[in-house]
Structure formats: C-alpha cells, structure tokens
Amino acid sequence: MGIDFSLTREQEEIRGLAHEFAEKEMRPVAERYDENEETPWDVMRKAHALGLDATASFPEQYGGGGIDLVTNLIREEELSWGDAGIAVSIGASGLAGTAIIAMGTEEQKQKYIGMLTAPDLKIGAMGLTEPNSGSDSLALETTATKVDGGYVLNGTKQFCTNGGIADVQVAFATTDKSLGPAGVAGFVIEKGTPGMRQGRKERKLGVRASHTAQVIFEDCFIPDDQRLGYNKSGEETGPGRVGAMIMLEVTRPMVAAGALGIARAAFEFARDYSLQRVAFGKPIAKHEAIAFKLADMATEIDAARLLTWRAGWMAMNGVPLSRGEGSMAKLFAGDMAMRVTVDAVQILGGYGYIKDYPVERFMRDAKIYQIWEGTAEIQRLVISRYVLGERTATAARPQVVPDTASEPVAAAS
C-alpha cells in the first residue's frame, strides 16, 4: 500500500514525551512568561536536556538527535499545544542550525552545530529581515565589505528571534548589490564579537515568551572562515549565497506545525468548556450554533495536519515541492489557527475575552503564524507561481533540518 498514516513506535514515544513535557513543564508557567515577556530559560534547559529542542533534528554526527522531519513536526505540534511562545524559545536555534547545516563547511558544522548540541544550553539566532526588507528578502541593506582576512558588516537586522542573546548568530548581508541574489552571503558570528550588539527588544502581541530584538552591526569584523558556504581556499562548498532563502519552502511545514498545536489547544479548551457551560437548559455544545462551529474547527485542524505532514514527508524524501506544498501547509495552517482561536474566544463569550482563560492568549499567539516566515499573502504568491507554471520546483534537500524559530516578517521564496 502506498499510503500509511500510522506512526512508528519512535514517533509515538516522542509525541508522548513532548506532550507530557508540554503539560507538566510548559502549561503551568505559560501565563507568567506571557505576562512578563520573559525568556523561559529554565524550561528551555529542561527541554534541551531531554532532547526536545531544535537539536532533536540536528544530525547525529554533530551531536543532534537525528529525528526525521515528520517526527519533528509531531514534536513541534505537541510543544506548541503546551504554549506557543515557550515552544518558539525552545526551538529558536532551528533556523540558525539549518543555515549552518545546509551551507556550512564541515569545520563550521562541527564547531557551531556542536556548540548548539553540547550539554550546556547554547542558543542560536538567524538574521535575514531588516527594517526596510521583509517579504522582499533580497533588498538587503546590511553590507559585508571585503577586507584583508574577512569582511566588515554594517547594518541592522529586525525581528530576530533570540536576537542579541544568542550564542551563535547567522546573518545575511550583501557583498555587492550589483550582483543581486549572487551578492548575498551568509555569516556565522559568535556572541561577544566586537561591533555586534542588540538593538531594541520588541514588545509583541503574542508569543511573548520568545525574545525578539534587533541585531545591529557597526564595523563588525568577521573572519573569512566564518562566511558560510566557503572553504579556506575561497571555494564555494554548499548552496551558498541565497541558501537560506532556498530552504524556506522546506522549513515552512515546521511553522505550520506550530500553528496546528495552537489551534488544537484552543479547540480542546472550547470543546470542554462547551460541554460544561449550560444555556437554555442544556450544555451549549448541544446547540447547533456551537456544535457546528466545533465540527468546522475539528475538520480544519485535521486538514491542516494532513497538508503539514505531506509537505514534511516530501521534503524529507527529496520529493520536488512542485506545487508549493510547503507554502500550502504554512498558509492553510496559519489562517486556520486564526479562525479556530477566534471561534474559541466566541464560544467562551465574555470569558474568552479575559485573561482568566487561555483562549485569548491562543488567539494572540496565532496571529503571527499568518506573518512570519513569509506572510499569508506571500504564500499565495508563491503557490500561484507554481500552479501557473511560472516557477520550477527543485527537490528538497533531505539533510536540511528545519525548526520553528523564525522572524515575524521573513522572506518570500
């Protein structure tokens, strides 16, 4: 049989472990971290010790867990079910790690992925978006000027998850604007490098347990061996240049999985509430107005999961994403999460609007999934170009291991 929706024993075990962690370690503290906009270091350390953070999907030869992409989607859904903001913090090293794995030399992978997988928690960040460059991801204003022995970076990165607090920062800059995409280069920068500093820390509507800030480069010198995708002889060793943007179609299923977890949490809470809340002599779940709303919510959640798992399976197996399947998953799941969380608030009525109940937080958290790692509008643009034959798909790189850490306004592919 060509289609099998059953999970392996390992996948069931990881789902169980992630769900238990979400229930016992994340949910009891979610409200506090959201209210205070505080980075959940204790929870992040516990997740790291259990192998439930971004390192779960990094290759084993660099100290990671080596789980496949679909298993990683399952893990992400459960953690986001616990709390989206904390889940983003737990997985925030994913994009930096993905860029290094896909673009870096063997020496860079050994050093920097090894740093992120070491027993003591180290975290990563990725800088692509800029104050004047979001969906138009190639309109970078950050410059990398070649000098003897390296490059000097100048510019500002916007909306960086873990920006300014990361131990490993991946940043993209233009070496020559006249070259267009070919002039874009990636660099890996260690915490404490002179000339790199944190700018404004953002105050956000949702996912408030995740640290989001500007990263500012002011005459920041980066040695040649910290440019991604080039060896010591200056030869290109990987996809290089726009490698991170090439990966976005593959990483989008992870964002979809996060949206899926939020929606499921909101649905379950609204369903349980509707079975207890009595109006006109019976639980409100027995009224069609509520029952049909719950039916639509459940249907859309399952549809989003199928789109997400399909895209993940395709990326994992190197199957060409010939119709923008990664963008389809991210688009549908993000829009679905917003609809489901708004309906959950509506089902709770006035109680849904106050902070005594978590559905208002779910609704605030859901909104960003229509924005980061490519807005819903950009996803529609990407999909339309595929279905109209204006874009040719290439097979996903099976070794690329994405995670959810992302920028609120990220690149179009």
Protein backbone atom coordinates (compact mmCIF):
# COMPACT_ATOMS: atom_id res chain seq x y z
CA MET A 1 0.00 0.00 0.00
CA GLY A 2 1.40 3.37 -0.98
CA ILE A 3 -0.12 5.49 1.81
CA ASP A 4 0.24 4.84 5.53
CA PHE A 5 -0.90 7.34 8.16
CA SER A 6 0.18 5.26 11.14
CA LEU A 7 3.02 6.47 13.36
CA THR A 8 6.10 4.45 14.17
CA ARG A 9 6.84 3.41 17.72
CA GLU A 10 9.55 6.07 17.92
CA GLN A 11 7.14 8.75 16.74
CA GLU A 12 4.55 7.70 19.32
CA GLU A 13 7.19 7.80 22.04
CA ILE A 14 8.43 11.25 21.05
CA ARG A 15 4.88 12.55 20.80
CA GLY A 16 4.15 11.18 24.28
CA LEU A 17 7.32 12.68 25.74
CA ALA A 18 6.67 16.07 24.14
CA HIS A 19 3.03 16.08 25.23
CA GLU A 20 3.93 15.22 28.82
CA PHE A 21 6.59 17.94 28.85
CA ALA A 22 4.13 20.47 27.44
CA GLU A 23 1.50 19.56 30.01
CA LYS A 24 3.75 19.47 33.08
CA GLU A 25 6.53 21.94 32.34
CA MET A 26 5.05 24.48 29.91
CA ARG A 27 1.37 24.99 30.65
CA PRO A 28 1.74 25.70 34.39
CA VAL A 29 4.11 28.63 33.68
CA ALA A 30 2.80 29.84 30.32
CA GLU A 31 0.68 32.66 31.69
CA ARG A 32 3.55 34.08 33.77
CA TYR A 33 6.05 34.11 30.91
CA ASP A 34 3.46 35.63 28.58
CA GLU A 35 2.53 38.35 31.04
CA ASN A 36 6.13 39.28 31.85
CA GLU A 37 7.55 38.81 28.32
CA GLU A 38 10.28 36.81 29.96
CA THR A 39 12.61 34.30 28.28
CA PRO A 40 11.85 30.85 29.81
CA TRP A 41 15.43 29.79 30.44
CA ASP A 42 14.54 27.07 32.98
CA VAL A 43 12.07 25.43 30.63
CA MET A 44 14.50 25.73 27.73
CA ARG A 45 17.23 23.99 29.74
CA LYS A 46 14.90 21.14 30.67
CA ALA A 47 13.82 20.70 27.06
CA HIS A 48 17.46 20.72 25.93
CA ALA A 49 18.38 18.07 28.49
CA LEU A 50 15.57 15.85 27.19
CA GLY A 51 16.47 16.44 23.54
CA LEU A 52 13.16 18.15 22.85
CA ASP A 53 14.55 21.40 21.46
CA ALA A 54 15.85 22.20 17.98
CA THR A 55 18.80 19.86 18.48
CA ALA A 56 16.43 16.88 18.26
CA SER A 57 16.52 17.23 14.49
CA PHE A 58 20.21 18.04 14.02
CA PRO A 59 22.32 15.22 12.51
CA GLU A 60 23.69 12.69 14.95
CA GLN A 61 27.26 13.15 13.72
CA TYR A 62 27.18 16.67 15.17
CA GLY A 63 25.58 15.63 18.47
CA GLY A 64 21.94 16.04 17.49
CA GLY A 65 19.05 13.64 17.88
CA GLY A 66 18.77 12.88 14.19
CA ILE A 67 14.98 12.55 14.12
CA ASP A 68 13.31 12.82 10.72
CA LEU A 69 11.27 15.81 9.59
CA VAL A 70 7.81 14.29 10.09
CA THR A 71 8.76 13.22 13.63
CA ASN A 72 9.99 16.75 14.21
CA LEU A 73 6.61 18.11 13.06
CA ILE A 74 4.90 15.88 15.61
CA ARG A 75 7.22 17.12 18.35
CA GLU A 76 6.57 20.75 17.37
CA GLU A 77 2.79 20.37 17.40
CA GLU A 78 2.84 18.99 20.92
CA LEU A 79 5.13 21.70 22.29
CA SER A 80 3.03 24.42 20.64
CA TRP A 81 -0.04 22.81 22.16
CA GLY A 82 1.66 23.46 25.50
CA ASP A 83 2.43 27.12 24.77
CA ALA A 84 3.46 28.73 21.50
CA GLY A 85 5.74 31.37 22.99
CA ILE A 86 7.71 28.90 25.07
CA ALA A 87 7.78 26.47 22.13
CA VAL A 88 9.35 29.14 19.93
CA SER A 89 12.02 29.74 22.58
CA ILE A 90 12.67 26.01 22.84
CA GLY A 91 13.07 25.67 19.07
CA ALA A 92 14.61 29.05 18.37
CA SER A 93 18.02 27.70 17.35
CA GLY A 94 16.49 25.83 14.43
CA LEU A 95 16.91 28.36 11.65
CA ALA A 96 20.49 29.18 12.56
CA GLY A 97 21.28 25.49 12.73
CA THR A 98 19.50 24.82 9.44
CA ALA A 99 21.52 27.50 7.65
CA ILE A 100 24.79 26.15 9.02
CA ILE A 101 23.90 22.55 8.15
CA ALA A 102 22.81 23.44 4.64
CA MET A 103 25.50 26.00 3.79
CA GLY A 104 28.43 25.45 6.11
CA THR A 105 31.73 23.69 5.66
CA GLU A 106 32.39 20.52 7.61
CA GLU A 107 34.54 22.53 10.03
CA GLN A 108 31.74 25.05 10.56
CA LYS A 109 29.20 22.29 11.20
CA GLN A 110 31.45 20.52 13.67
CA LYS A 111 32.12 23.72 15.57
CA TYR A 112 28.79 25.54 15.59
CA ILE A 113 26.29 22.68 15.48
CA GLY A 114 28.46 21.01 18.10
CA MET A 115 28.17 24.17 20.19
CA LEU A 116 24.36 24.09 19.97
CA THR A 117 24.15 20.38 20.81
CA ALA A 118 26.57 20.50 23.77
CA PRO A 119 25.11 19.59 27.19
CA ASP A 120 25.18 23.20 28.41
CA LEU A 121 22.42 25.15 26.67
CA LYS A 122 23.63 27.39 23.87
CA ILE A 123 21.17 29.11 21.56
CA GLY A 124 21.20 30.41 18.00
CA ALA A 125 19.56 33.20 16.03
CA MET A 126 19.12 33.98 12.35
CA GLY A 127 19.07 37.46 10.86
CA LEU A 128 17.55 37.99 7.42
CA THR A 129 14.73 40.53 7.83
CA GLU A 130 15.67 44.21 8.07
CA PRO A 131 13.74 47.40 8.91
CA ASN A 132 13.20 48.03 5.17
CA SER A 133 13.37 44.43 3.93
CA GLY A 134 10.80 41.83 4.87
CA SER A 135 8.90 39.99 2.16
CA ASP A 136 11.35 41.44 -0.38
CA SER A 137 14.11 39.44 1.20
CA LEU A 138 16.79 40.29 -1.34
CA ALA A 139 16.50 44.03 -0.76
CA LEU A 140 19.12 43.80 1.96
CA GLU A 141 20.77 46.97 3.18
CA THR A 142 23.23 45.27 5.52
CA THR A 143 26.59 45.28 3.78
CA ALA A 144 29.57 42.97 4.02
CA THR A 145 32.66 44.76 2.76
CA LYS A 146 35.65 42.58 1.89
CA VAL A 147 38.84 43.46 3.76
CA ASP A 148 42.08 41.66 4.39
CA GLY A 149 41.26 38.41 6.21
CA GLY A 150 37.49 38.79 6.28
CA TYR A 151 34.51 41.11 5.98
CA VAL A 152 33.18 44.15 7.80
CA LEU A 153 29.43 44.10 8.42
CA ASN A 154 27.27 47.20 8.82
CA GLY A 155 23.51 47.28 9.12
CA THR A 156 20.51 46.29 11.24
CA LYS A 157 18.58 43.04 11.40
CA GLN A 158 14.96 43.27 12.50
CA PHE A 159 12.67 40.84 14.34
CA CYS A 160 15.40 38.34 15.22
CA THR A 161 14.23 35.55 17.48
CA ASN A 162 16.94 35.37 20.18
CA GLY A 163 18.50 38.48 18.65
CA GLY A 164 21.18 39.87 20.92
CA ILE A 165 21.11 36.96 23.39
CA ALA A 166 22.16 34.14 21.05
CA ASP A 167 25.49 32.39 21.36
CA VAL A 168 25.56 31.83 17.59
CA GLN A 169 24.13 34.43 15.20
CA VAL A 170 23.70 33.72 11.48
CA ALA A 171 23.28 36.89 9.42
CA PHE A 172 22.86 37.59 5.73
CA ALA A 173 24.36 40.63 4.02
CA THR A 174 25.13 41.82 0.52
CA THR A 175 28.72 41.79 -0.66
CA ASP A 176 27.88 43.50 -3.96
CA LYS A 177 24.44 44.98 -4.72
CA SER A 178 25.13 44.94 -8.45
CA LEU A 179 25.17 41.13 -8.37
CA GLY A 180 21.61 40.83 -7.00
CA PRO A 181 20.97 37.41 -5.37
CA ALA A 182 24.50 36.28 -6.20
CA GLY A 183 25.84 39.05 -3.96
CA VAL A 184 24.06 37.78 -0.85
CA ALA A 185 26.30 35.97 1.64
CA GLY A 186 25.72 34.29 4.97
CA PHE A 187 27.96 34.68 8.02
CA VAL A 188 28.09 32.95 11.38
CA ILE A 189 29.02 35.20 14.29
CA GLU A 190 29.72 34.32 17.90
CA LYS A 191 28.33 36.17 20.90
CA GLY A 192 30.61 38.92 22.14
CA THR A 193 32.06 39.73 18.72
CA PRO A 194 33.01 43.45 18.72
CA GLY A 195 30.69 45.53 16.60
CA MET A 196 27.61 43.32 17.07
CA ARG A 197 25.03 44.38 19.64
CA GLN A 198 21.37 44.08 20.49
CA GLY A 199 19.12 46.92 19.48
CA ARG A 200 15.51 47.41 20.53
CA LYS A 201 13.77 44.44 22.19
CA GLU A 202 10.28 44.24 20.73
CA ARG A 203 7.07 44.25 22.75
CA LYS A 204 4.70 41.88 20.99
CA LEU A 205 1.03 40.98 20.76
CA GLY A 206 1.68 37.26 21.09
CA VAL A 207 4.37 34.59 21.55
CA ARG A 208 5.60 36.91 24.27
CA ALA A 209 7.76 34.26 25.95
CA SER A 210 10.03 34.41 22.90
CA HIS A 211 12.76 37.05 22.82
CA THR A 212 12.58 39.22 19.67
CA ALA A 213 15.05 42.04 19.08
CA GLN A 214 17.11 43.96 16.57
CA VAL A 215 20.73 42.98 15.96
CA ILE A 216 22.94 45.88 14.96
CA PHE A 217 26.29 45.58 13.17
CA GLU A 218 28.66 48.53 13.38
CA ASP A 219 32.01 47.91 11.66
CA CYS A 220 31.78 44.30 12.80
CA PHE A 221 34.76 42.31 11.52
CA ILE A 222 34.01 38.68 10.55
CA PRO A 223 36.94 36.42 9.56
CA ASP A 224 36.86 34.63 6.21
CA ASP A 225 36.32 31.24 7.85
CA GLN A 226 33.03 32.46 9.30
CA ARG A 227 31.47 33.09 5.91
CA LEU A 228 29.05 30.25 5.28
CA GLY A 229 29.49 28.05 2.26
CA TYR A 230 33.15 28.74 1.52
CA ASN A 231 36.25 26.80 2.49
CA LYS A 232 39.64 28.23 3.40
CA SER A 233 40.61 28.37 -0.27
CA GLY A 234 37.62 30.58 -1.05
CA GLU A 235 35.78 27.84 -2.94
CA GLU A 236 32.01 27.54 -2.64
CA THR A 237 31.10 24.33 -0.75
CA GLY A 238 27.31 24.42 -0.47
CA PRO A 239 24.26 26.15 -1.90
CA GLY A 240 25.79 29.36 -0.56
CA ARG A 241 24.58 32.88 -1.20
CA VAL A 242 20.80 32.60 -1.02
CA GLY A 243 20.87 29.14 0.54
CA ALA A 244 18.66 30.13 3.47
CA MET A 245 16.02 31.52 1.12
CA ILE A 246 16.10 28.36 -0.95
CA MET A 247 15.35 26.43 2.26
CA LEU A 248 12.25 28.39 3.20
CA GLU A 249 9.90 26.18 1.20
CA VAL A 250 11.23 23.26 3.27
CA THR A 251 11.11 24.98 6.67
CA ARG A 252 7.53 26.19 6.32
CA PRO A 253 5.94 22.88 7.45
CA MET A 254 7.52 23.46 10.87
CA VAL A 255 5.75 26.80 11.15
CA ALA A 256 2.54 25.06 10.10
CA ALA A 257 3.02 22.50 12.87
CA GLY A 258 3.29 25.30 15.43
CA ALA A 259 0.04 26.85 14.21
CA LEU A 260 -1.55 23.42 14.35
CA GLY A 261 -0.61 22.99 18.01
CA ILE A 262 -2.12 26.34 18.97
CA ALA A 263 -5.35 25.58 17.11
CA ARG A 264 -5.66 22.17 18.74
CA ALA A 265 -5.19 23.66 22.19
CA ALA A 266 -7.89 26.27 21.52
CA PHE A 267 -10.30 23.70 20.08
CA GLU A 268 -9.89 21.32 23.00
CA PHE A 269 -10.43 24.07 25.56
CA ALA A 270 -13.50 25.41 23.77
CA ARG A 271 -14.94 21.92 23.35
CA ASP A 272 -14.51 21.04 27.02
CA TYR A 273 -15.96 24.39 28.09
CA SER A 274 -18.98 23.96 25.81
CA LEU A 275 -19.77 20.61 27.40
CA GLN A 276 -19.89 22.22 30.86
CA ARG A 277 -21.46 25.59 30.15
CA VAL A 278 -25.28 25.39 30.31
CA ALA A 279 -27.63 27.73 28.47
CA PHE A 280 -31.35 27.33 27.87
CA GLY A 281 -31.38 24.13 29.88
CA LYS A 282 -28.57 22.19 28.19
CA PRO A 283 -24.82 22.35 27.54
CA ILE A 284 -24.08 24.87 24.82
CA ALA A 285 -22.31 22.09 22.88
CA LYS A 286 -25.78 20.65 22.26
CA HIS A 287 -26.88 23.77 20.42
CA GLU A 288 -26.21 23.60 16.69
CA ALA A 289 -24.66 27.06 16.63
CA ILE A 290 -21.83 25.76 18.84
CA ALA A 291 -21.78 22.13 17.68
CA PHE A 292 -21.33 23.09 14.04
CA LYS A 293 -18.62 25.56 14.94
CA LEU A 294 -16.76 22.78 16.77
CA ALA A 295 -17.23 20.45 13.80
CA ASP A 296 -15.67 23.01 11.45
CA MET A 297 -12.79 23.60 13.86
CA ALA A 298 -12.02 19.87 14.14
CA THR A 299 -12.21 19.39 10.37
CA GLU A 300 -9.86 22.26 9.60
CA ILE A 301 -7.33 21.09 12.19
CA ASP A 302 -7.19 17.64 10.62
CA ALA A 303 -6.93 19.12 7.12
CA ALA A 304 -4.02 21.31 8.23
CA ARG A 305 -2.25 18.34 9.78
CA LEU A 306 -2.53 16.34 6.54
CA LEU A 307 -1.13 19.22 4.49
CA THR A 308 1.68 19.65 7.00
CA TRP A 309 2.66 16.00 7.16
CA ARG A 310 2.52 15.71 3.36
CA ALA A 311 4.90 18.64 2.92
CA GLY A 312 7.18 17.27 5.61
CA TRP A 313 7.22 13.81 4.02
CA MET A 314 8.03 15.32 0.62
CA ALA A 315 10.86 17.45 1.99
CA MET A 316 12.24 14.53 4.00
CA ASN A 317 12.30 12.26 0.96
CA GLY A 318 13.62 14.76 -1.54
CA VAL A 319 10.36 14.85 -3.49
CA PRO A 320 10.03 18.09 -5.50
CA LEU A 321 7.59 20.54 -3.93
CA SER A 322 6.12 21.08 -7.36
CA ARG A 323 3.01 22.98 -6.29
CA GLY A 324 4.41 24.92 -3.36
CA GLU A 325 3.29 22.26 -0.88
CA GLY A 326 5.34 23.78 1.94
CA SER A 327 3.68 27.14 1.35
CA MET A 328 0.27 25.47 1.15
CA ALA A 329 0.76 23.90 4.56
CA LYS A 330 2.00 27.11 6.14
CA LEU A 331 -0.74 29.22 4.53
CA PHE A 332 -3.63 26.95 5.45
CA ALA A 333 -2.41 26.19 8.97
CA GLY A 334 -1.76 29.85 9.78
CA ASP A 335 -5.15 31.00 8.53
CA MET A 336 -6.82 28.01 10.18
CA ALA A 337 -5.22 28.74 13.56
CA MET A 338 -6.52 32.30 13.43
CA ARG A 339 -10.06 31.16 12.58
CA VAL A 340 -10.08 28.43 15.22
CA THR A 341 -8.75 30.63 18.03
CA VAL A 342 -11.23 33.41 17.20
CA ASP A 343 -14.05 30.84 17.28
CA ALA A 344 -12.77 29.51 20.60
CA VAL A 345 -12.98 33.01 22.08
CA GLN A 346 -16.50 33.33 20.66
CA ILE A 347 -17.60 30.02 22.20
CA LEU A 348 -16.45 31.19 25.62
CA GLY A 349 -18.16 34.54 25.11
CA GLY A 350 -17.14 37.14 27.67
CA TYR A 351 -14.96 34.62 29.47
CA GLY A 352 -12.98 34.13 26.29
CA TYR A 353 -12.03 37.79 26.28
CA ILE A 354 -10.45 37.86 29.75
CA LYS A 355 -7.09 36.58 30.87
CA ASP A 356 -8.56 34.13 33.38
CA TYR A 357 -8.94 31.75 30.43
CA PRO A 358 -6.16 30.87 27.97
CA VAL A 359 -8.06 31.23 24.70
CA GLU A 360 -7.32 34.95 24.44
CA ARG A 361 -3.62 34.08 24.62
CA PHE A 362 -4.08 31.39 21.98
CA MET A 363 -5.71 33.98 19.71
CA ARG A 364 -2.88 36.47 20.22
CA ASP A 365 -0.28 33.78 19.60
CA ALA A 366 -1.97 32.54 16.42
CA LYS A 367 -1.76 35.84 14.57
CA ILE A 368 1.98 35.71 13.98
CA TYR A 369 1.63 32.46 12.04
CA GLN A 370 -0.02 34.43 9.25
CA ILE A 371 3.01 36.72 9.17
CA TRP A 372 6.39 35.18 9.93
CA GLU A 373 8.43 33.02 7.59
CA GLY A 374 6.52 34.54 4.70
CA THR A 375 3.17 36.29 5.13
CA ALA A 376 -0.07 34.64 4.03
CA GLU A 377 -0.03 36.94 1.03
CA ILE A 378 3.47 35.84 0.08
CA GLN A 379 2.46 32.17 0.42
CA ARG A 380 -0.37 32.79 -2.07
CA LEU A 381 2.09 34.46 -4.41
CA VAL A 382 4.49 31.51 -4.18
CA ILE A 383 1.72 28.95 -4.71
CA SER A 384 0.24 30.86 -7.63
CA ARG A 385 3.61 30.95 -9.39
CA TYR A 386 3.90 27.19 -9.07
CA VAL A 387 0.38 26.36 -10.25
CA LEU A 388 0.62 28.82 -13.14
CA GLY A 389 3.89 27.31 -14.29
CA GLU A 390 5.91 30.44 -13.58
CA ARG A 391 8.24 28.62 -11.22
CA THR A 392 10.02 25.27 -11.48
CA ALA A 393 10.32 23.15 -8.35
CA THR A 394 13.53 21.56 -7.20
CA ALA A 395 13.75 18.61 -4.87
CA ALA A 396 14.10 19.49 -1.23
CA ARG A 397 17.42 18.69 0.39
CA PRO A 398 16.69 15.75 2.73
CA GLN A 399 19.55 16.66 5.07
CA VAL A 400 18.12 20.12 5.76
CA VAL A 401 16.57 20.04 9.21
CA PRO A 402 14.25 22.98 9.87
CA ASP A 403 12.62 24.26 13.01
CA THR A 404 10.24 26.98 14.02
CA ALA A 405 12.47 29.78 15.02
CA SER A 406 11.64 32.45 12.56
CA GLU A 407 11.33 36.13 12.01
CA PRO A 408 7.95 37.86 12.14
CA VAL A 409 8.49 39.27 8.65
CA ALA A 410 10.55 36.73 6.76
CA ALA A 411 11.48 36.03 3.23
CA ALA A 412 9.50 35.12 0.22
CA SER A 413 10.98 32.25 -1.70
